[in-house]
Amino acid sequence: MKWFILIAFVLIIASLASAMLAMIRPRPGRNMVRSLGIRVALSILLFALILIAHWLGWINSTGLPLMPR
C-alpha cells in the first residue's frame, strides 16, 4: 500500500509539472487543462483509496489521541 501511495504522489507531481511546462509555453491550450484535470482526478482517487484502505484495515491511523490526558 505504501508503494501505491508513493507512485500516486509521483504521478500527481509529474502531472503538475507537465501543466507548469504547458503554462510556460506561449499558448498553453489543451495540454495544461488536461494535465490539471489528470492531477485533480489522481488526487481524488488517492484520497478515496486511502479512506477505503483505512476502513478495510489495510492501514492504521497513528495520529493524536481524541481525548487529551
PDB file of N, CA and C in Angstrom:
ATOM      1  N   MET A   1       0.826  -1.189   0.000  1.00  0.00           N
ATOM      2  CA  MET A   1       0.000   0.000   0.000  1.00  0.00           C
ATOM      3  C   MET A   1       0.870   1.254   0.000  1.00  0.00           C
ATOM      4  N   LYS A   2       1.991   1.178   0.709  1.00  0.00           N
ATOM      5  CA  LYS A   2       2.875   2.340   0.751  1.00  0.00           C
ATOM      6  C   LYS A   2       3.432   2.666  -0.632  1.00  0.00           C
ATOM      7  N   TRP A   3       3.741   1.617  -1.405  1.00  0.00           N
ATOM      8  CA  TRP A   3       4.283   1.836  -2.749  1.00  0.00           C
ATOM      9  C   TRP A   3       3.231   2.458  -3.655  1.00  0.00           C
ATOM     10  N   PHE A   4       1.993   2.022  -3.514  1.00  0.00           N
ATOM     11  CA  PHE A   4       0.926   2.587  -4.330  1.00  0.00           C
ATOM     12  C   PHE A   4       0.753   4.081  -4.036  1.00  0.00           C
ATOM     13  N   ILE A   5       0.782   4.453  -2.776  1.00  0.00           N
ATOM     14  CA  ILE A   5       0.642   5.858  -2.397  1.00  0.00           C
ATOM     15  C   ILE A   5       1.818   6.666  -2.921  1.00  0.00           C
ATOM     16  N   LEU A   6       3.022   6.122  -2.812  1.00  0.00           N
ATOM     17  CA  LEU A   6       4.211   6.812  -3.314  1.00  0.00           C
ATOM     18  C   LEU A   6       4.130   7.005  -4.825  1.00  0.00           C
ATOM     19  N   ILE A   7       3.728   5.980  -5.544  1.00  0.00           N
ATOM     20  CA  ILE A   7       3.605   6.084  -7.003  1.00  0.00           C
ATOM     21  C   ILE A   7       2.528   7.111  -7.373  1.00  0.00           C
ATOM     22  N   ALA A   8       1.434   7.122  -6.633  1.00  0.00           N
ATOM     23  CA  ALA A   8       0.367   8.094  -6.903  1.00  0.00           C
ATOM     24  C   ALA A   8       0.860   9.523  -6.683  1.00  0.00           C
ATOM     25  N   PHE A   9       1.629   9.749  -5.612  1.00  0.00           N
ATOM     26  CA  PHE A   9       2.186  11.088  -5.379  1.00  0.00           C
ATOM     27  C   PHE A   9       3.135  11.497  -6.496  1.00  0.00           C
ATOM     28  N   VAL A  10       3.949  10.577  -6.961  1.00  0.00           N
ATOM     29  CA  VAL A  10       4.878  10.885  -8.055  1.00  0.00           C
ATOM     30  C   VAL A  10       4.095  11.235  -9.319  1.00  0.00           C
ATOM     31  N   LEU A  11       3.033  10.498  -9.615  1.00  0.00           N
ATOM     32  CA  LEU A  11       2.208  10.801 -10.784  1.00  0.00           C
ATOM     33  C   LEU A  11       1.519  12.157 -10.653  1.00  0.00           C
ATOM     34  N   ILE A  12       1.076  12.496  -9.447  1.00  0.00           N
ATOM     35  CA  ILE A  12       0.442  13.801  -9.229  1.00  0.00           C
ATOM     36  C   ILE A  12       1.446  14.922  -9.451  1.00  0.00           C
ATOM     37  N   ILE A  13       2.653  14.772  -8.926  1.00  0.00           N
ATOM     38  CA  ILE A  13       3.698  15.791  -9.113  1.00  0.00           C
ATOM     39  C   ILE A  13       4.079  15.896 -10.586  1.00  0.00           C
ATOM     40  N   ALA A  14       4.188  14.755 -11.293  1.00  0.00           N
ATOM     41  CA  ALA A  14       4.528  14.774 -12.714  1.00  0.00           C
ATOM     42  C   ALA A  14       3.449  15.484 -13.519  1.00  0.00           C
ATOM     43  N   SER A  15       2.191  15.260 -13.184  1.00  0.00           N
ATOM     44  CA  SER A  15       1.102  15.927 -13.883  1.00  0.00           C
ATOM     45  C   SER A  15       1.135  17.431 -13.618  1.00  0.00           C
ATOM     46  N   LEU A  16       1.448  17.809 -12.404  1.00  0.00           N
ATOM     47  CA  LEU A  16       1.553  19.227 -12.065  1.00  0.00           C
ATOM     48  C   LEU A  16       2.717  19.877 -12.808  1.00  0.00           C
ATOM     49  N   ALA A  17       3.839  19.163 -12.914  1.00  0.00           N
ATOM     50  CA  ALA A  17       4.998  19.691 -13.657  1.00  0.00           C
ATOM     51  C   ALA A  17       4.663  19.810 -15.139  1.00  0.00           C
ATOM     52  N   SER A  18       3.924  18.861 -15.670  1.00  0.00           N
ATOM     53  CA  SER A  18       3.519  18.924 -17.072  1.00  0.00           C
ATOM     54  C   SER A  18       2.632  20.137 -17.325  1.00  0.00           C
ATOM     55  N   ALA A  19       1.728  20.415 -16.414  1.00  0.00           N
ATOM     56  CA  ALA A  19       0.872  21.598 -16.551  1.00  0.00           C
ATOM     57  C   ALA A  19       1.694  22.883 -16.461  1.00  0.00           C
ATOM     58  N   MET A  20       2.703  22.885 -15.592  1.00  0.00           N
ATOM     59  CA  MET A  20       3.554  24.068 -15.474  1.00  0.00           C
ATOM     60  C   MET A  20       4.319  24.316 -16.770  1.00  0.00           C
ATOM     61  N   LEU A  21       4.857  23.241 -17.363  1.00  0.00           N
ATOM     62  CA  LEU A  21       5.576  23.399 -18.619  1.00  0.00           C
ATOM     63  C   LEU A  21       4.644  23.853 -19.739  1.00  0.00           C
ATOM     64  N   ALA A  22       3.419  23.353 -19.745  1.00  0.00           N
ATOM     65  CA  ALA A  22       2.449  23.788 -20.749  1.00  0.00           C
ATOM     66  C   ALA A  22       2.069  25.247 -20.535  1.00  0.00           C
ATOM     67  N   MET A  23       2.051  25.703 -19.287  1.00  0.00           N
ATOM     68  CA  MET A  23       1.691  27.084 -18.991  1.00  0.00           C
ATOM     69  C   MET A  23       2.801  28.045 -19.417  1.00  0.00           C
ATOM     70  N   ILE A  24       4.042  27.595 -19.381  1.00  0.00           N
ATOM     71  CA  ILE A  24       5.173  28.453 -19.751  1.00  0.00           C
ATOM     72  C   ILE A  24       5.180  28.736 -21.251  1.00  0.00           C
ATOM     73  N   ARG A  25       4.666  27.803 -22.035  1.00  0.00           N
ATOM     74  CA  ARG A  25       4.625  27.986 -23.486  1.00  0.00           C
ATOM     75  C   ARG A  25       3.774  29.199 -23.839  1.00  0.00           C
ATOM     76  N   PRO A  26       4.016  29.779 -25.021  1.00  0.00           N
ATOM     77  CA  PRO A  26       3.255  30.980 -25.412  1.00  0.00           C
ATOM     78  C   PRO A  26       1.744  30.764 -25.451  1.00  0.00           C
ATOM     79  N   ARG A  27       1.286  29.589 -25.916  1.00  0.00           N
ATOM     80  CA  ARG A  27      -0.146  29.294 -25.967  1.00  0.00           C
ATOM     81  C   ARG A  27      -0.403  28.014 -25.186  1.00  0.00           C
ATOM     82  N   PRO A  28      -0.828  28.130 -23.930  1.00  0.00           N
ATOM     83  CA  PRO A  28      -0.988  26.934 -23.090  1.00  0.00           C
ATOM     84  C   PRO A  28      -1.930  25.891 -23.682  1.00  0.00           C
ATOM     85  N   GLY A  29      -3.113  26.265 -24.088  1.00  0.00           N
ATOM     86  CA  GLY A  29      -4.033  25.371 -24.765  1.00  0.00           C
ATOM     87  C   GLY A  29      -4.539  24.209 -23.931  1.00  0.00           C
ATOM     88  N   ARG A  30      -4.832  23.096 -24.632  1.00  0.00           N
ATOM     89  CA  ARG A  30      -5.487  21.954 -24.003  1.00  0.00           C
ATOM     90  C   ARG A  30      -4.557  21.132 -23.127  1.00  0.00           C
ATOM     91  N   ASN A  31      -3.266  21.156 -23.396  1.00  0.00           N
ATOM     92  CA  ASN A  31      -2.348  20.321 -22.608  1.00  0.00           C
ATOM     93  C   ASN A  31      -2.356  20.702 -21.133  1.00  0.00           C
ATOM     94  N   MET A  32      -2.419  21.995 -20.860  1.00  0.00           N
ATOM     95  CA  MET A  32      -2.434  22.442 -19.475  1.00  0.00           C
ATOM     96  C   MET A  32      -3.737  22.023 -18.791  1.00  0.00           C
ATOM     97  N   VAL A  33      -4.851  22.188 -19.465  1.00  0.00           N
ATOM     98  CA  VAL A  33      -6.141  21.825 -18.883  1.00  0.00           C
ATOM     99  C   VAL A  33      -6.201  20.319 -18.649  1.00  0.00           C
ATOM    100  N   ARG A  34      -5.714  19.541 -19.606  1.00  0.00           N
ATOM    101  CA  ARG A  34      -5.726  18.088 -19.457  1.00  0.00           C
ATOM    102  C   ARG A  34      -4.830  17.656 -18.300  1.00  0.00           C
ATOM    103  N   SER A  35      -3.649  18.248 -18.184  1.00  0.00           N
ATOM    104  CA  SER A  35      -2.733  17.885 -17.096  1.00  0.00           C
ATOM    105  C   SER A  35      -3.315  18.222 -15.729  1.00  0.00           C
ATOM    106  N   LEU A  36      -3.938  19.384 -15.623  1.00  0.00           N
ATOM    107  CA  LEU A  36      -4.543  19.752 -14.342  1.00  0.00           C
ATOM    108  C   LEU A  36      -5.744  18.876 -14.023  1.00  0.00           C
ATOM    109  N   GLY A  37      -6.503  18.494 -15.033  1.00  0.00           N
ATOM    110  CA  GLY A  37      -7.627  17.581 -14.822  1.00  0.00           C
ATOM    111  C   GLY A  37      -7.167  16.211 -14.350  1.00  0.00           C
ATOM    112  N   ILE A  38      -6.073  15.733 -14.934  1.00  0.00           N
ATOM    113  CA  ILE A  38      -5.499  14.455 -14.507  1.00  0.00           C
ATOM    114  C   ILE A  38      -5.018  14.545 -13.070  1.00  0.00           C
ATOM    115  N   ARG A  39      -4.413  15.677 -12.711  1.00  0.00           N
ATOM    116  CA  ARG A  39      -3.921  15.849 -11.338  1.00  0.00           C
ATOM    117  C   ARG A  39      -5.080  15.833 -10.346  1.00  0.00           C
ATOM    118  N   VAL A  40      -6.152  16.515 -10.667  1.00  0.00           N
ATOM    119  CA  VAL A  40      -7.316  16.540  -9.775  1.00  0.00           C
ATOM    120  C   VAL A  40      -7.916  15.137  -9.646  1.00  0.00           C
ATOM    121  N   ALA A  41      -8.038  14.434 -10.770  1.00  0.00           N
ATOM    122  CA  ALA A  41      -8.602  13.083 -10.736  1.00  0.00           C
ATOM    123  C   ALA A  41      -7.718  12.138  -9.924  1.00  0.00           C
ATOM    124  N   LEU A  42      -6.406  12.225 -10.090  1.00  0.00           N
ATOM    125  CA  LEU A  42      -5.499  11.378  -9.315  1.00  0.00           C
ATOM    126  C   LEU A  42      -5.567  11.696  -7.823  1.00  0.00           C
ATOM    127  N   SER A  43      -5.681  12.976  -7.491  1.00  0.00           N
ATOM    128  CA  SER A  43      -5.764  13.365  -6.083  1.00  0.00           C
ATOM    129  C   SER A  43      -7.036  12.835  -5.435  1.00  0.00           C
ATOM    130  N   ILE A  44      -8.160  12.944  -6.139  1.00  0.00           N
ATOM    131  CA  ILE A  44      -9.422  12.438  -5.602  1.00  0.00           C
ATOM    132  C   ILE A  44      -9.373  10.922  -5.465  1.00  0.00           C
ATOM    133  N   LEU A  45      -8.821  10.243  -6.473  1.00  0.00           N
ATOM    134  CA  LEU A  45      -8.701   8.790  -6.430  1.00  0.00           C
ATOM    135  C   LEU A  45      -7.810   8.346  -5.271  1.00  0.00           C
ATOM    136  N   LEU A  46      -6.682   9.031  -5.072  1.00  0.00           N
ATOM    137  CA  LEU A  46      -5.785   8.688  -3.973  1.00  0.00           C
ATOM    138  C   LEU A  46      -6.473   8.878  -2.629  1.00  0.00           C
ATOM    139  N   PHE A  47      -7.201   9.982  -2.463  1.00  0.00           N
ATOM    140  CA  PHE A  47      -7.907  10.237  -1.212  1.00  0.00           C
ATOM    141  C   PHE A  47      -8.949   9.153  -0.943  1.00  0.00           C
ATOM    142  N   ALA A  48      -9.716   8.796  -1.977  1.00  0.00           N
ATOM    143  CA  ALA A  48     -10.740   7.766  -1.821  1.00  0.00           C
ATOM    144  C   ALA A  48     -10.114   6.410  -1.492  1.00  0.00           C
ATOM    145  N   LEU A  49      -9.009   6.071  -2.142  1.00  0.00           N
ATOM    146  CA  LEU A  49      -8.363   4.787  -1.878  1.00  0.00           C
ATOM    147  C   LEU A  49      -7.748   4.726  -0.481  1.00  0.00           C
ATOM    148  N   ILE A  50      -7.252   5.849   0.013  1.00  0.00           N
ATOM    149  CA  ILE A  50      -6.725   5.875   1.382  1.00  0.00           C
ATOM    150  C   ILE A  50      -7.866   5.679   2.380  1.00  0.00           C
ATOM    151  N   LEU A  51      -9.008   6.310   2.133  1.00  0.00           N
ATOM    152  CA  LEU A  51     -10.168   6.109   3.016  1.00  0.00           C
ATOM    153  C   LEU A  51     -10.636   4.660   3.001  1.00  0.00           C
ATOM    154  N   ILE A  52     -10.736   4.070   1.817  1.00  0.00           N
ATOM    155  CA  ILE A  52     -11.171   2.669   1.705  1.00  0.00           C
ATOM    156  C   ILE A  52     -10.179   1.743   2.388  1.00  0.00           C
ATOM    157  N   ALA A  53      -8.884   1.991   2.192  1.00  0.00           N
ATOM    158  CA  ALA A  53      -7.864   1.151   2.827  1.00  0.00           C
ATOM    159  C   ALA A  53      -7.935   1.259   4.348  1.00  0.00           C
ATOM    160  N   HIS A  54      -8.252   2.432   4.858  1.00  0.00           N
ATOM    161  CA  HIS A  54      -8.388   2.604   6.304  1.00  0.00           C
ATOM    162  C   HIS A  54      -9.606   1.837   6.820  1.00  0.00           C
ATOM    163  N   TRP A  55     -10.721   1.936   6.098  1.00  0.00           N
ATOM    164  CA  TRP A  55     -11.941   1.222   6.515  1.00  0.00           C
ATOM    165  C   TRP A  55     -11.747  -0.282   6.476  1.00  0.00           C
ATOM    166  N   LEU A  56     -10.971  -0.775   5.500  1.00  0.00           N
ATOM    167  CA  LEU A  56     -10.744  -2.213   5.382  1.00  0.00           C
ATOM    168  C   LEU A  56      -9.664  -2.724   6.339  1.00  0.00           C
ATOM    169  N   GLY A  57      -8.960  -1.802   6.998  1.00  0.00           N
ATOM    170  CA  GLY A  57      -7.949  -2.195   7.956  1.00  0.00           C
ATOM    171  C   GLY A  57      -6.574  -2.447   7.356  1.00  0.00           C
ATOM    172  N   TRP A  58      -6.397  -2.067   6.080  1.00  0.00           N
ATOM    173  CA  TRP A  58      -5.097  -2.264   5.444  1.00  0.00           C
ATOM    174  C   TRP A  58      -4.057  -1.291   5.976  1.00  0.00           C
ATOM    175  N   ILE A  59      -4.509  -0.109   6.408  1.00  0.00           N
ATOM    176  CA  ILE A  59      -3.620   0.881   7.030  1.00  0.00           C
ATOM    177  C   ILE A  59      -4.264   1.312   8.339  1.00  0.00           C
ATOM    178  N   ASN A  60      -3.450   1.673   9.301  1.00  0.00           N
ATOM    179  CA  ASN A  60      -3.938   2.111  10.605  1.00  0.00           C
ATOM    180  C   ASN A  60      -3.498   3.538  10.870  1.00  0.00           C
ATOM    181  N   SER A  61      -4.381   4.297  11.494  1.00  0.00           N
ATOM    182  CA  SER A  61      -4.003   5.655  11.859  1.00  0.00           C
ATOM    183  C   SER A  61      -3.199   5.623  13.146  1.00  0.00           C
ATOM    184  N   THR A  62      -2.207   6.465  13.210  1.00  0.00           N
ATOM    185  CA  THR A  62      -1.382   6.557  14.415  1.00  0.00           C
ATOM    186  C   THR A  62      -1.302   8.012  14.852  1.00  0.00           C
ATOM    187  N   GLY A  63      -2.375   8.727  14.650  1.00  0.00           N
ATOM    188  CA  GLY A  63      -2.404  10.164  14.944  1.00  0.00           C
ATOM    189  C   GLY A  63      -2.543  10.459  16.418  1.00  0.00           C
ATOM    190  N   LEU A  64      -2.919  11.674  16.704  1.00  0.00           N
ATOM    191  CA  LEU A  64      -3.089  12.110  18.082  1.00  0.00           C
ATOM    192  C   LEU A  64      -4.313  11.469  18.694  1.00  0.00           C
ATOM    193  N   PRO A  65      -4.290  11.230  20.015  1.00  0.00           N
ATOM    194  CA  PRO A  65      -5.481  10.670  20.665  1.00  0.00           C
ATOM    195  C   PRO A  65      -6.623  11.673  20.650  1.00  0.00           C
ATOM    196  N   LEU A  66      -7.851  11.165  20.678  1.00  0.00           N
ATOM    197  CA  LEU A  66      -9.014  12.064  20.623  1.00  0.00           C
ATOM    198  C   LEU A  66      -9.175  12.871  21.898  1.00  0.00           C
ATOM    199  N   MET A  67      -8.856  12.275  23.048  1.00  0.00           N
ATOM    200  CA  MET A  67      -9.016  12.977  24.311  1.00  0.00           C
ATOM    201  C   MET A  67      -7.633  13.203  24.941  1.00  0.00           C
ATOM    202  N   PRO A  68      -7.314  14.454  25.294  1.00  0.00           N
ATOM    203  CA  PRO A  68      -6.020  14.701  25.940  1.00  0.00           C
ATOM    204  C   PRO A  68      -5.984  14.082  27.342  1.00  0.00           C
ATOM    205  N   ARG A  69      -4.823  13.663  27.730  1.00  0.00           N
ATOM    206  CA  ARG A  69      -4.667  13.025  29.045  1.00  0.00           C
ATOM    207  C   ARG A  69      -4.205  13.991  30.085  1.00  0.00           C
TER     208      ARG A  69
END
